[in-house]
């Protein structure tokens, strides 16, 4: 699939003007939540990293700041994956794999040390007519319950899952992870005058009882 660069903007990571990327005008674009999550993630050396809903690859570009072993992205939209590949290659990143696939059909030959996701927040009442934006923003398909169940399948014991979500979802998140042998290891609440309060979470997978 070719890339429609005429309908893309040429941008850079706010914290690193040496890393550039193309963003399609009609697809999900980097926003304040993306930047907050990108600056929140911590990736141990030699980690295999998965970005769920990778879109144009921006969170993989944030992950490339670390000494990773491999970057892996999965997105249901082929056009998004094609653009992500272009952006990774443009930034001279070679040790990556990208999959145009539904996350619930996705499997890999090893478990991941780190998983990253900026998941959809919104309900059916605010759906978009743009299918790419709808998958990125609306949680009809990728609910929190489904997301965490898949993360547990893919994450190594003691591995970390980084995500950003609305603060109002925290109790729901705690209920779900308590059922799955996951626990909150680190969290950060961000107040934003333009949006509802946001929470950044690092959630870990454990062999042992949950840490409360």
N, C-alpha and C. Protein backbone atom coordinates (compact mmCIF):
# COMPACT_ATOMS: atom_id res chain seq x y z
N UNK A 1 0.84 -1.20 0.00
CA UNK A 1 0.00 0.00 0.00
C UNK A 1 0.87 1.25 0.00
N UNK A 2 0.58 2.19 -0.88
CA UNK A 2 1.35 3.43 -0.95
C UNK A 2 0.88 4.40 0.13
N UNK A 3 1.72 5.39 0.41
CA UNK A 3 1.43 6.37 1.45
C UNK A 3 1.01 7.68 0.81
N UNK A 4 -0.09 8.21 1.27
CA UNK A 4 -0.63 9.47 0.75
C UNK A 4 -0.01 10.63 1.52
N UNK A 5 1.23 10.96 1.21
CA UNK A 5 1.94 11.99 1.95
C UNK A 5 1.34 13.38 1.73
N UNK A 6 0.62 13.57 0.63
CA UNK A 6 0.01 14.88 0.38
C UNK A 6 -1.05 15.21 1.42
N UNK A 7 -1.63 14.18 2.03
CA UNK A 7 -2.63 14.39 3.08
C UNK A 7 -2.05 14.16 4.47
N UNK A 8 -0.74 14.25 4.60
CA UNK A 8 -0.06 14.11 5.88
C UNK A 8 0.64 15.41 6.25
N UNK A 9 0.83 15.60 7.53
CA UNK A 9 1.68 16.68 8.01
C UNK A 9 3.01 16.10 8.47
N UNK A 10 4.06 16.89 8.38
CA UNK A 10 5.40 16.48 8.76
C UNK A 10 5.70 17.09 10.12
N UNK A 11 5.78 16.25 11.15
CA UNK A 11 5.88 16.72 12.52
C UNK A 11 7.09 16.11 13.22
N UNK A 12 7.24 16.42 14.49
CA UNK A 12 8.33 15.86 15.30
C UNK A 12 7.84 15.63 16.72
N UNK A 13 8.57 14.79 17.44
CA UNK A 13 8.23 14.57 18.85
C UNK A 13 8.51 15.85 19.64
N UNK A 14 7.57 16.28 20.46
CA UNK A 14 7.75 17.54 21.19
C UNK A 14 9.01 17.58 22.05
N UNK A 15 9.42 16.42 22.57
CA UNK A 15 10.60 16.40 23.42
C UNK A 15 11.86 16.02 22.67
N UNK A 16 11.76 15.79 21.36
CA UNK A 16 12.94 15.41 20.58
C UNK A 16 12.71 15.82 19.13
N UNK A 17 13.19 16.99 18.78
CA UNK A 17 12.96 17.53 17.43
C UNK A 17 13.80 16.81 16.38
N UNK A 18 14.65 15.88 16.80
CA UNK A 18 15.42 15.09 15.84
C UNK A 18 14.63 13.88 15.33
N UNK A 19 13.51 13.56 15.98
CA UNK A 19 12.67 12.45 15.55
C UNK A 19 11.43 13.01 14.88
N UNK A 20 11.32 12.76 13.57
CA UNK A 20 10.21 13.28 12.78
C UNK A 20 9.25 12.17 12.41
N UNK A 21 8.04 12.56 12.07
CA UNK A 21 7.05 11.58 11.62
C UNK A 21 6.00 12.27 10.77
N UNK A 22 5.41 11.47 9.90
CA UNK A 22 4.26 11.92 9.12
C UNK A 22 2.98 11.47 9.84
N UNK A 23 1.99 12.37 9.87
CA UNK A 23 0.70 12.06 10.46
C UNK A 23 -0.40 12.38 9.45
N UNK A 24 -1.26 11.39 9.20
CA UNK A 24 -2.33 11.59 8.24
C UNK A 24 -3.40 12.51 8.83
N UNK A 25 -3.89 13.43 8.01
CA UNK A 25 -4.85 14.42 8.48
C UNK A 25 -6.19 13.79 8.89
N UNK A 26 -6.53 12.62 8.33
CA UNK A 26 -7.82 12.00 8.60
C UNK A 26 -7.73 10.80 9.54
N UNK A 27 -6.54 10.56 10.08
CA UNK A 27 -6.36 9.45 11.02
C UNK A 27 -6.06 10.02 12.40
N UNK A 28 -6.05 9.14 13.39
CA UNK A 28 -5.73 9.57 14.75
C UNK A 28 -4.32 10.18 14.78
N UNK A 29 -4.21 11.34 15.39
CA UNK A 29 -2.95 12.07 15.41
C UNK A 29 -2.43 12.21 16.84
N UNK A 30 -1.14 12.39 16.94
CA UNK A 30 -0.50 12.60 18.24
C UNK A 30 -1.19 13.76 18.95
N UNK A 31 -1.53 13.54 20.23
CA UNK A 31 -2.14 14.59 21.03
C UNK A 31 -1.47 14.65 22.39
N UNK A 32 -2.04 15.40 23.31
CA UNK A 32 -1.41 15.56 24.62
C UNK A 32 -1.31 14.24 25.37
N UNK A 33 -2.31 13.35 25.21
CA UNK A 33 -2.24 12.05 25.87
C UNK A 33 -1.08 11.22 25.33
N UNK A 34 -0.87 11.27 24.02
CA UNK A 34 0.25 10.55 23.41
C UNK A 34 1.57 11.01 24.02
N UNK A 35 1.73 12.31 24.12
CA UNK A 35 2.98 12.88 24.65
C UNK A 35 3.16 12.51 26.12
N UNK A 36 2.07 12.59 26.90
CA UNK A 36 2.16 12.21 28.31
C UNK A 36 2.59 10.76 28.47
N UNK A 37 1.97 9.87 27.70
CA UNK A 37 2.31 8.45 27.79
C UNK A 37 3.73 8.19 27.29
N UNK A 38 4.10 8.84 26.18
CA UNK A 38 5.45 8.67 25.65
C UNK A 38 6.53 9.07 26.64
N UNK A 39 6.25 10.11 27.41
CA UNK A 39 7.23 10.57 28.40
C UNK A 39 7.17 9.78 29.70
N UNK A 40 6.11 9.01 29.90
CA UNK A 40 5.93 8.24 31.13
C UNK A 40 6.58 6.86 31.06
N UNK A 41 6.64 6.28 29.88
CA UNK A 41 7.11 4.89 29.76
C UNK A 41 8.58 4.78 30.16
N UNK A 42 8.91 3.65 30.76
CA UNK A 42 10.28 3.28 31.10
C UNK A 42 10.51 1.86 30.59
N UNK A 43 11.57 1.67 29.82
CA UNK A 43 11.80 0.39 29.16
C UNK A 43 13.17 -0.14 29.57
N UNK A 44 13.23 -1.27 30.28
CA UNK A 44 14.52 -1.84 30.67
C UNK A 44 15.34 -2.24 29.44
N UNK A 45 16.64 -2.29 29.62
CA UNK A 45 17.53 -2.68 28.53
C UNK A 45 17.15 -4.05 27.96
N UNK A 46 17.26 -4.17 26.64
CA UNK A 46 17.05 -5.43 25.91
C UNK A 46 15.61 -5.92 25.98
N UNK A 47 14.67 -5.01 26.17
CA UNK A 47 13.27 -5.40 26.23
C UNK A 47 12.69 -5.60 24.83
N UNK A 48 11.74 -6.52 24.75
CA UNK A 48 10.89 -6.66 23.57
C UNK A 48 9.60 -5.92 23.90
N UNK A 49 9.26 -4.93 23.08
CA UNK A 49 8.19 -3.98 23.39
C UNK A 49 7.06 -4.13 22.38
N UNK A 50 5.83 -4.16 22.88
CA UNK A 50 4.65 -4.20 22.03
C UNK A 50 3.83 -2.93 22.22
N UNK A 51 3.45 -2.32 21.10
CA UNK A 51 2.53 -1.19 21.12
C UNK A 51 1.21 -1.64 20.52
N UNK A 52 0.16 -1.65 21.32
CA UNK A 52 -1.17 -2.07 20.86
C UNK A 52 -1.92 -0.86 20.31
N UNK A 53 -2.35 -0.94 19.06
CA UNK A 53 -2.98 0.20 18.41
C UNK A 53 -1.93 1.22 18.00
N UNK A 54 -0.93 0.74 17.29
CA UNK A 54 0.28 1.55 17.07
C UNK A 54 0.06 2.76 16.18
N UNK A 55 -1.00 2.77 15.37
CA UNK A 55 -1.33 3.90 14.51
C UNK A 55 -0.12 4.29 13.66
N UNK A 56 0.34 5.54 13.75
CA UNK A 56 1.45 5.98 12.90
C UNK A 56 2.82 5.67 13.50
N UNK A 57 2.85 4.96 14.61
CA UNK A 57 4.11 4.53 15.20
C UNK A 57 4.71 5.49 16.20
N UNK A 58 3.97 6.51 16.62
CA UNK A 58 4.55 7.54 17.46
C UNK A 58 5.04 6.99 18.80
N UNK A 59 4.28 6.08 19.42
CA UNK A 59 4.74 5.55 20.72
C UNK A 59 5.94 4.63 20.55
N UNK A 60 6.06 3.97 19.42
CA UNK A 60 7.27 3.20 19.15
C UNK A 60 8.47 4.14 18.97
N UNK A 61 8.24 5.32 18.42
CA UNK A 61 9.32 6.30 18.31
C UNK A 61 9.75 6.77 19.69
N UNK A 62 8.80 6.96 20.61
CA UNK A 62 9.18 7.27 22.00
C UNK A 62 9.98 6.11 22.60
N UNK A 63 9.52 4.88 22.35
CA UNK A 63 10.21 3.72 22.91
C UNK A 63 11.62 3.57 22.35
N UNK A 64 11.86 4.09 21.16
CA UNK A 64 13.18 3.97 20.53
C UNK A 64 14.25 4.76 21.26
N UNK A 65 13.88 5.61 22.20
CA UNK A 65 14.86 6.34 23.00
C UNK A 65 15.61 5.40 23.95
N UNK A 66 15.04 4.22 24.21
CA UNK A 66 15.64 3.29 25.16
C UNK A 66 16.46 2.22 24.43
N UNK A 67 17.23 1.46 25.20
CA UNK A 67 18.07 0.39 24.63
C UNK A 67 17.25 -0.90 24.57
N UNK A 68 16.32 -0.93 23.65
CA UNK A 68 15.40 -2.05 23.48
C UNK A 68 16.05 -3.16 22.65
N UNK A 69 15.44 -4.33 22.68
CA UNK A 69 15.84 -5.42 21.79
C UNK A 69 15.05 -5.41 20.49
N UNK A 70 13.72 -5.24 20.60
CA UNK A 70 12.87 -5.18 19.42
C UNK A 70 11.61 -4.39 19.74
N UNK A 71 11.13 -3.66 18.73
CA UNK A 71 9.87 -2.94 18.83
C UNK A 71 8.84 -3.62 17.94
N UNK A 72 7.66 -3.86 18.49
CA UNK A 72 6.60 -4.55 17.76
C UNK A 72 5.34 -3.69 17.85
N UNK A 73 4.68 -3.50 16.72
CA UNK A 73 3.43 -2.75 16.70
C UNK A 73 2.34 -3.54 16.03
N UNK A 74 1.13 -3.41 16.55
CA UNK A 74 -0.04 -4.06 15.93
C UNK A 74 -1.17 -3.05 15.85
N UNK A 75 -1.83 -3.01 14.69
CA UNK A 75 -2.97 -2.12 14.49
C UNK A 75 -3.91 -2.77 13.51
N UNK A 76 -5.20 -2.60 13.71
CA UNK A 76 -6.19 -3.23 12.86
C UNK A 76 -6.24 -2.59 11.47
N UNK A 77 -5.68 -1.39 11.33
CA UNK A 77 -5.74 -0.62 10.10
C UNK A 77 -4.45 -0.76 9.29
N UNK A 78 -4.54 -1.32 8.09
CA UNK A 78 -3.36 -1.49 7.24
C UNK A 78 -2.72 -0.15 6.88
N UNK A 79 -3.53 0.86 6.62
CA UNK A 79 -2.99 2.18 6.27
C UNK A 79 -2.15 2.76 7.40
N UNK A 80 -2.60 2.54 8.63
CA UNK A 80 -1.84 3.01 9.79
C UNK A 80 -0.49 2.30 9.89
N UNK A 81 -0.51 0.98 9.68
CA UNK A 81 0.73 0.20 9.76
C UNK A 81 1.71 0.61 8.67
N UNK A 82 1.20 0.88 7.47
CA UNK A 82 2.07 1.33 6.38
C UNK A 82 2.74 2.65 6.73
N UNK A 83 1.98 3.56 7.33
CA UNK A 83 2.54 4.84 7.74
C UNK A 83 3.53 4.66 8.89
N UNK A 84 3.23 3.79 9.82
CA UNK A 84 4.16 3.51 10.92
C UNK A 84 5.48 2.98 10.39
N UNK A 85 5.41 2.08 9.43
CA UNK A 85 6.64 1.53 8.84
C UNK A 85 7.47 2.64 8.19
N UNK A 86 6.79 3.52 7.46
CA UNK A 86 7.49 4.64 6.82
C UNK A 86 8.18 5.51 7.88
N UNK A 87 7.48 5.80 8.97
CA UNK A 87 8.05 6.65 10.01
C UNK A 87 9.23 5.99 10.72
N UNK A 88 9.13 4.69 10.98
CA UNK A 88 10.24 3.99 11.63
C UNK A 88 11.46 3.94 10.72
N UNK A 89 11.24 3.64 9.44
CA UNK A 89 12.36 3.60 8.50
C UNK A 89 12.98 4.98 8.34
N UNK A 90 12.16 6.02 8.31
CA UNK A 90 12.67 7.38 8.15
C UNK A 90 13.58 7.77 9.32
N UNK A 91 13.33 7.18 10.49
CA UNK A 91 14.14 7.47 11.67
C UNK A 91 15.21 6.41 11.91
N UNK A 92 15.48 5.61 10.88
CA UNK A 92 16.58 4.64 10.88
C UNK A 92 16.43 3.58 11.96
N UNK A 93 15.19 3.17 12.20
CA UNK A 93 14.91 2.09 13.15
C UNK A 93 14.69 0.82 12.34
N UNK A 94 15.51 -0.20 12.58
CA UNK A 94 15.45 -1.41 11.77
C UNK A 94 14.96 -2.63 12.52
N UNK A 95 15.18 -2.69 13.82
CA UNK A 95 14.82 -3.87 14.60
C UNK A 95 13.38 -3.74 15.11
N UNK A 96 12.44 -3.90 14.16
CA UNK A 96 11.02 -3.78 14.49
C UNK A 96 10.22 -4.77 13.66
N UNK A 97 8.99 -5.02 14.11
CA UNK A 97 8.01 -5.77 13.33
C UNK A 97 6.66 -5.10 13.50
N UNK A 98 5.90 -5.04 12.41
CA UNK A 98 4.58 -4.42 12.43
C UNK A 98 3.56 -5.39 11.86
N UNK A 99 2.36 -5.40 12.45
CA UNK A 99 1.32 -6.32 12.05
C UNK A 99 0.00 -5.57 11.87
N UNK A 100 -0.58 -5.69 10.67
CA UNK A 100 -1.92 -5.16 10.42
C UNK A 100 -2.91 -6.26 10.80
N UNK A 101 -3.36 -6.21 12.05
CA UNK A 101 -4.12 -7.34 12.59
C UNK A 101 -4.96 -6.89 13.78
N UNK A 102 -6.08 -7.55 13.96
CA UNK A 102 -6.88 -7.35 15.17
C UNK A 102 -6.08 -7.88 16.36
N UNK A 103 -5.98 -7.10 17.42
CA UNK A 103 -5.18 -7.52 18.58
C UNK A 103 -5.67 -8.84 19.15
N UNK A 104 -6.96 -9.16 19.00
CA UNK A 104 -7.48 -10.39 19.59
C UNK A 104 -7.12 -11.62 18.74
N UNK A 105 -6.64 -11.41 17.53
CA UNK A 105 -6.13 -12.50 16.70
C UNK A 105 -4.61 -12.56 16.72
N UNK A 106 -4.00 -11.62 17.42
CA UNK A 106 -2.54 -11.48 17.39
C UNK A 106 -1.88 -12.46 18.36
N UNK A 107 -0.81 -13.09 17.90
CA UNK A 107 0.04 -13.91 18.75
C UNK A 107 1.49 -13.67 18.35
N UNK A 108 2.40 -14.04 19.23
CA UNK A 108 3.82 -13.79 18.97
C UNK A 108 4.61 -14.96 19.52
N UNK A 109 5.84 -15.12 19.05
CA UNK A 109 6.61 -16.30 19.42
C UNK A 109 7.27 -16.18 20.78
N UNK A 110 7.12 -15.06 21.45
CA UNK A 110 7.63 -14.89 22.81
C UNK A 110 6.73 -13.91 23.53
N UNK A 111 6.80 -13.90 24.87
CA UNK A 111 6.06 -12.91 25.64
C UNK A 111 6.83 -11.59 25.66
N UNK A 112 6.13 -10.51 25.95
CA UNK A 112 6.72 -9.18 25.89
C UNK A 112 7.15 -8.70 27.28
N UNK A 113 8.27 -7.99 27.29
CA UNK A 113 8.75 -7.37 28.53
C UNK A 113 7.93 -6.13 28.87
N UNK A 114 7.54 -5.38 27.83
CA UNK A 114 6.79 -4.14 28.01
C UNK A 114 5.69 -4.07 26.96
N UNK A 115 4.51 -3.67 27.38
CA UNK A 115 3.40 -3.40 26.46
C UNK A 115 2.93 -1.97 26.71
N UNK A 116 2.65 -1.25 25.62
CA UNK A 116 2.20 0.14 25.68
C UNK A 116 0.86 0.23 24.97
N UNK A 117 -0.05 1.05 25.50
CA UNK A 117 -1.31 1.27 24.80
C UNK A 117 -1.93 2.59 25.21
N UNK A 118 -2.34 3.37 24.21
CA UNK A 118 -3.20 4.53 24.42
C UNK A 118 -4.58 4.11 23.92
N UNK A 119 -5.39 3.51 24.79
CA UNK A 119 -6.61 2.84 24.33
C UNK A 119 -7.74 3.82 24.05
N UNK A 120 -8.76 3.36 23.33
CA UNK A 120 -9.94 4.21 23.09
C UNK A 120 -10.70 4.44 24.39
N UNK A 121 -11.18 5.67 24.56
CA UNK A 121 -11.87 6.04 25.79
C UNK A 121 -13.38 6.12 25.64
N UNK A 122 -13.86 6.42 24.43
CA UNK A 122 -15.21 6.93 24.29
C UNK A 122 -16.23 5.83 24.00
N UNK A 123 -17.48 6.12 24.33
CA UNK A 123 -18.57 5.18 24.15
C UNK A 123 -19.22 5.38 22.79
N UNK A 124 -20.24 4.55 22.51
CA UNK A 124 -20.92 4.61 21.22
C UNK A 124 -21.60 5.96 20.98
N UNK A 125 -21.88 6.70 22.02
CA UNK A 125 -22.62 7.96 21.86
C UNK A 125 -21.83 9.03 21.13
N UNK A 126 -20.52 8.85 21.04
CA UNK A 126 -19.68 9.84 20.37
C UNK A 126 -18.95 9.24 19.18
N UNK A 127 -19.50 8.22 18.57
CA UNK A 127 -18.83 7.55 17.47
C UNK A 127 -18.54 8.48 16.30
N UNK A 128 -17.45 8.19 15.60
CA UNK A 128 -17.07 8.92 14.40
C UNK A 128 -17.48 8.12 13.17
N UNK A 129 -17.78 8.82 12.08
CA UNK A 129 -18.07 8.15 10.82
C UNK A 129 -16.80 7.66 10.13
N UNK A 130 -15.65 8.14 10.56
CA UNK A 130 -14.36 7.72 10.03
C UNK A 130 -13.96 6.42 10.73
N UNK A 131 -13.85 5.31 9.97
CA UNK A 131 -13.59 4.01 10.59
C UNK A 131 -12.26 3.96 11.32
N UNK A 132 -11.24 4.62 10.77
CA UNK A 132 -9.94 4.65 11.43
C UNK A 132 -10.01 5.38 12.76
N UNK A 133 -10.66 6.55 12.77
CA UNK A 133 -10.81 7.30 14.01
C UNK A 133 -11.70 6.57 14.99
N UNK A 134 -12.74 5.89 14.49
CA UNK A 134 -13.65 5.18 15.39
C UNK A 134 -12.91 4.10 16.16
N UNK A 135 -12.07 3.31 15.47
CA UNK A 135 -11.31 2.26 16.14
C UNK A 135 -10.32 2.84 17.15
N UNK A 136 -9.77 4.02 16.83
CA UNK A 136 -8.78 4.64 17.71
C UNK A 136 -9.39 5.28 18.94
N UNK A 137 -10.65 5.77 18.81
CA UNK A 137 -11.23 6.58 19.88
C UNK A 137 -12.34 5.88 20.66
N UNK A 138 -13.03 4.90 20.05
CA UNK A 138 -14.24 4.35 20.66
C UNK A 138 -14.02 2.91 21.11
N UNK A 139 -14.55 2.60 22.29
CA UNK A 139 -14.21 1.35 22.96
C UNK A 139 -15.23 0.23 22.74
N UNK A 140 -15.95 0.27 21.63
CA UNK A 140 -16.91 -0.80 21.37
C UNK A 140 -16.21 -2.14 21.17
N UNK A 141 -15.07 -2.13 20.54
CA UNK A 141 -14.34 -3.37 20.25
C UNK A 141 -13.28 -3.65 21.32
N UNK A 142 -12.48 -2.63 21.64
CA UNK A 142 -11.39 -2.81 22.59
C UNK A 142 -11.81 -2.26 23.95
N UNK A 143 -12.62 -3.03 24.67
CA UNK A 143 -13.01 -2.62 26.02
C UNK A 143 -11.85 -2.83 26.98
N UNK A 144 -11.94 -2.21 28.14
CA UNK A 144 -10.88 -2.39 29.14
C UNK A 144 -10.76 -3.86 29.55
N UNK A 145 -11.87 -4.53 29.73
CA UNK A 145 -11.83 -5.95 30.11
C UNK A 145 -11.10 -6.77 29.06
N UNK A 146 -11.47 -6.57 27.80
CA UNK A 146 -10.82 -7.32 26.71
C UNK A 146 -9.35 -6.97 26.59
N UNK A 147 -9.04 -5.68 26.75
CA UNK A 147 -7.65 -5.24 26.64
C UNK A 147 -6.78 -5.90 27.70
N UNK A 148 -7.21 -5.84 28.95
CA UNK A 148 -6.39 -6.40 30.03
C UNK A 148 -6.25 -7.92 29.92
N UNK A 149 -7.28 -8.60 29.48
CA UNK A 149 -7.18 -10.04 29.30
C UNK A 149 -6.13 -10.38 28.24
N UNK A 150 -6.11 -9.61 27.16
CA UNK A 150 -5.11 -9.85 26.11
C UNK A 150 -3.72 -9.48 26.59
N UNK A 151 -3.61 -8.39 27.34
CA UNK A 151 -2.31 -8.00 27.87
C UNK A 151 -1.74 -9.10 28.76
N UNK A 152 -2.57 -9.68 29.59
CA UNK A 152 -2.08 -10.75 30.46
C UNK A 152 -1.56 -11.93 29.65
N UNK A 153 -2.21 -12.24 28.53
CA UNK A 153 -1.76 -13.34 27.68
C UNK A 153 -0.40 -13.06 27.06
N UNK A 154 -0.12 -11.79 26.78
CA UNK A 154 1.07 -11.42 26.01
C UNK A 154 2.24 -10.94 26.86
N UNK A 155 2.01 -10.62 28.13
CA UNK A 155 3.03 -10.00 28.98
C UNK A 155 3.77 -11.02 29.81
N UNK A 156 5.10 -10.87 29.89
CA UNK A 156 5.91 -11.73 30.74
C UNK A 156 5.58 -11.51 32.21
N UNK A 157 5.70 -12.52 33.05
CA UNK A 157 5.65 -12.29 34.49
C UNK A 157 6.69 -11.23 34.89
N UNK A 158 6.29 -10.30 35.70
CA UNK A 158 7.09 -9.15 36.12
C UNK A 158 7.25 -8.11 35.00
N UNK A 159 6.63 -8.34 33.85
CA UNK A 159 6.65 -7.33 32.79
C UNK A 159 5.75 -6.17 33.13
N UNK A 160 5.88 -5.07 32.38
CA UNK A 160 5.13 -3.85 32.64
C UNK A 160 4.21 -3.50 31.48
N UNK A 161 3.02 -3.03 31.83
CA UNK A 161 2.05 -2.53 30.87
C UNK A 161 1.80 -1.05 31.18
N UNK A 162 2.08 -0.17 30.22
CA UNK A 162 1.90 1.26 30.38
C UNK A 162 0.68 1.71 29.59
N UNK A 163 -0.21 2.45 30.23
CA UNK A 163 -1.35 3.00 29.52
C UNK A 163 -1.76 4.32 30.14
N UNK A 164 -2.58 5.05 29.39
CA UNK A 164 -3.17 6.29 29.85
C UNK A 164 -4.68 6.17 29.71
N UNK A 165 -5.40 6.72 30.68
CA UNK A 165 -6.86 6.62 30.62
C UNK A 165 -7.46 7.75 31.44
N UNK A 166 -8.75 7.90 31.34
CA UNK A 166 -9.44 8.89 32.15
C UNK A 166 -9.41 8.46 33.63
N UNK A 167 -9.21 9.42 34.50
CA UNK A 167 -9.14 9.13 35.93
C UNK A 167 -10.44 8.48 36.43
N UNK A 168 -11.53 8.83 35.81
CA UNK A 168 -12.83 8.27 36.22
C UNK A 168 -12.91 6.76 35.99
N UNK A 169 -11.99 6.20 35.21
CA UNK A 169 -11.99 4.76 34.94
C UNK A 169 -11.14 3.97 35.93
N UNK A 170 -10.52 4.65 36.88
CA UNK A 170 -9.56 3.98 37.75
C UNK A 170 -10.18 2.84 38.56
N UNK A 171 -11.36 3.04 39.12
CA UNK A 171 -11.99 1.97 39.90
C UNK A 171 -12.30 0.76 39.02
N UNK A 172 -12.76 1.00 37.80
CA UNK A 172 -13.01 -0.11 36.87
C UNK A 172 -11.71 -0.85 36.55
N UNK A 173 -10.65 -0.11 36.33
CA UNK A 173 -9.35 -0.72 36.04
C UNK A 173 -8.89 -1.57 37.22
N UNK A 174 -9.01 -1.05 38.43
CA UNK A 174 -8.59 -1.80 39.61
C UNK A 174 -9.39 -3.10 39.76
N UNK A 175 -10.67 -3.04 39.51
CA UNK A 175 -11.51 -4.23 39.60
C UNK A 175 -11.06 -5.30 38.61
N UNK A 176 -10.78 -4.88 37.39
CA UNK A 176 -10.38 -5.83 36.34
C UNK A 176 -9.02 -6.44 36.65
N UNK A 177 -8.05 -5.61 37.00
CA UNK A 177 -6.70 -6.15 37.18
C UNK A 177 -6.61 -7.04 38.41
N UNK A 178 -7.43 -6.77 39.42
CA UNK A 178 -7.42 -7.64 40.59
C UNK A 178 -7.86 -9.06 40.26
N UNK A 179 -8.63 -9.22 39.20
CA UNK A 179 -9.08 -10.53 38.78
C UNK A 179 -8.05 -11.26 37.92
N UNK A 180 -7.01 -10.54 37.49
CA UNK A 180 -6.10 -11.07 36.48
C UNK A 180 -4.66 -11.20 36.97
N UNK A 181 -4.43 -11.08 38.27
CA UNK A 181 -3.07 -11.18 38.81
C UNK A 181 -2.17 -10.08 38.25
N UNK A 182 -2.74 -8.91 38.08
CA UNK A 182 -2.00 -7.72 37.69
C UNK A 182 -2.14 -6.71 38.82
N UNK A 183 -1.21 -5.78 38.89
CA UNK A 183 -1.31 -4.78 39.94
C UNK A 183 -0.67 -3.47 39.49
N UNK A 184 -1.14 -2.37 40.07
CA UNK A 184 -0.61 -1.05 39.76
C UNK A 184 0.72 -0.87 40.47
N UNK A 185 1.76 -0.65 39.69
CA UNK A 185 3.11 -0.47 40.22
C UNK A 185 3.45 1.01 40.37
N UNK A 186 2.95 1.81 39.43
CA UNK A 186 3.23 3.25 39.44
C UNK A 186 2.06 3.97 38.79
N UNK A 187 1.75 5.15 39.28
CA UNK A 187 0.67 5.92 38.68
C UNK A 187 0.94 7.41 38.82
N UNK A 188 0.38 8.17 37.89
CA UNK A 188 0.55 9.62 37.89
C UNK A 188 -0.74 10.25 37.39
N UNK A 189 -1.30 11.16 38.17
CA UNK A 189 -2.53 11.86 37.80
C UNK A 189 -2.16 13.21 37.19
N UNK A 190 -2.77 13.52 36.05
CA UNK A 190 -2.50 14.76 35.34
C UNK A 190 -3.79 15.55 35.23
N UNK A 191 -3.76 16.78 35.72
CA UNK A 191 -4.90 17.68 35.58
C UNK A 191 -4.72 18.49 34.30
N UNK A 192 -5.75 18.52 33.47
CA UNK A 192 -5.68 19.24 32.21
C UNK A 192 -6.95 20.07 32.07
N UNK A 193 -6.79 21.37 31.89
CA UNK A 193 -7.95 22.26 31.85
C UNK A 193 -8.83 22.01 30.63
N UNK A 194 -8.27 21.41 29.58
CA UNK A 194 -9.02 21.20 28.34
C UNK A 194 -9.74 19.86 28.31
N UNK A 195 -9.32 18.93 29.15
CA UNK A 195 -9.93 17.61 29.17
C UNK A 195 -10.18 17.18 30.60
N UNK A 196 -10.82 16.05 30.78
CA UNK A 196 -11.03 15.51 32.12
C UNK A 196 -9.69 15.03 32.68
N UNK A 197 -9.58 14.94 34.01
CA UNK A 197 -8.33 14.46 34.61
C UNK A 197 -7.93 13.10 34.04
N UNK A 198 -6.64 12.93 33.84
CA UNK A 198 -6.08 11.75 33.19
C UNK A 198 -5.16 11.03 34.16
N UNK A 199 -5.10 9.71 34.05
CA UNK A 199 -4.17 8.95 34.88
C UNK A 199 -3.25 8.11 34.01
N UNK A 200 -1.98 8.16 34.31
CA UNK A 200 -0.97 7.32 33.68
C UNK A 200 -0.67 6.17 34.62
N UNK A 201 -0.64 4.96 34.09
CA UNK A 201 -0.46 3.77 34.92
C UNK A 201 0.64 2.87 34.37
N UNK A 202 1.45 2.37 35.27
CA UNK A 202 2.33 1.23 34.97
C UNK A 202 1.77 0.05 35.75
N UNK A 203 1.31 -0.94 35.03
CA UNK A 203 0.69 -2.12 35.63
C UNK A 203 1.59 -3.31 35.39
N UNK A 204 1.87 -4.07 36.44
CA UNK A 204 2.78 -5.20 36.32
C UNK A 204 2.05 -6.53 36.44
N UNK A 205 2.67 -7.53 35.85
CA UNK A 205 2.19 -8.92 35.89
C UNK A 205 3.03 -9.63 36.94
N UNK A 206 2.38 -10.38 37.80
CA UNK A 206 3.11 -11.06 38.87
C UNK A 206 2.70 -12.52 38.99
N UNK A 207 3.66 -13.34 39.40
CA UNK A 207 3.36 -14.74 39.73
C UNK A 207 2.66 -14.83 41.08
N UNK A 208 2.89 -13.81 41.93
CA UNK A 208 2.44 -13.88 43.31
C UNK A 208 1.19 -13.06 43.52
N UNK A 209 0.76 -12.99 44.76
CA UNK A 209 -0.47 -12.25 45.08
C UNK A 209 -0.31 -10.78 44.72
N UNK A 210 -1.42 -10.15 44.38
CA UNK A 210 -1.40 -8.75 43.98
C UNK A 210 -0.90 -7.85 45.10
N UNK A 211 -0.20 -6.81 44.70
CA UNK A 211 0.23 -5.77 45.64
C UNK A 211 -0.87 -4.73 45.71
N UNK A 212 -1.38 -4.47 46.86
CA UNK A 212 -2.51 -3.51 46.98
C UNK A 212 -1.98 -2.10 47.19
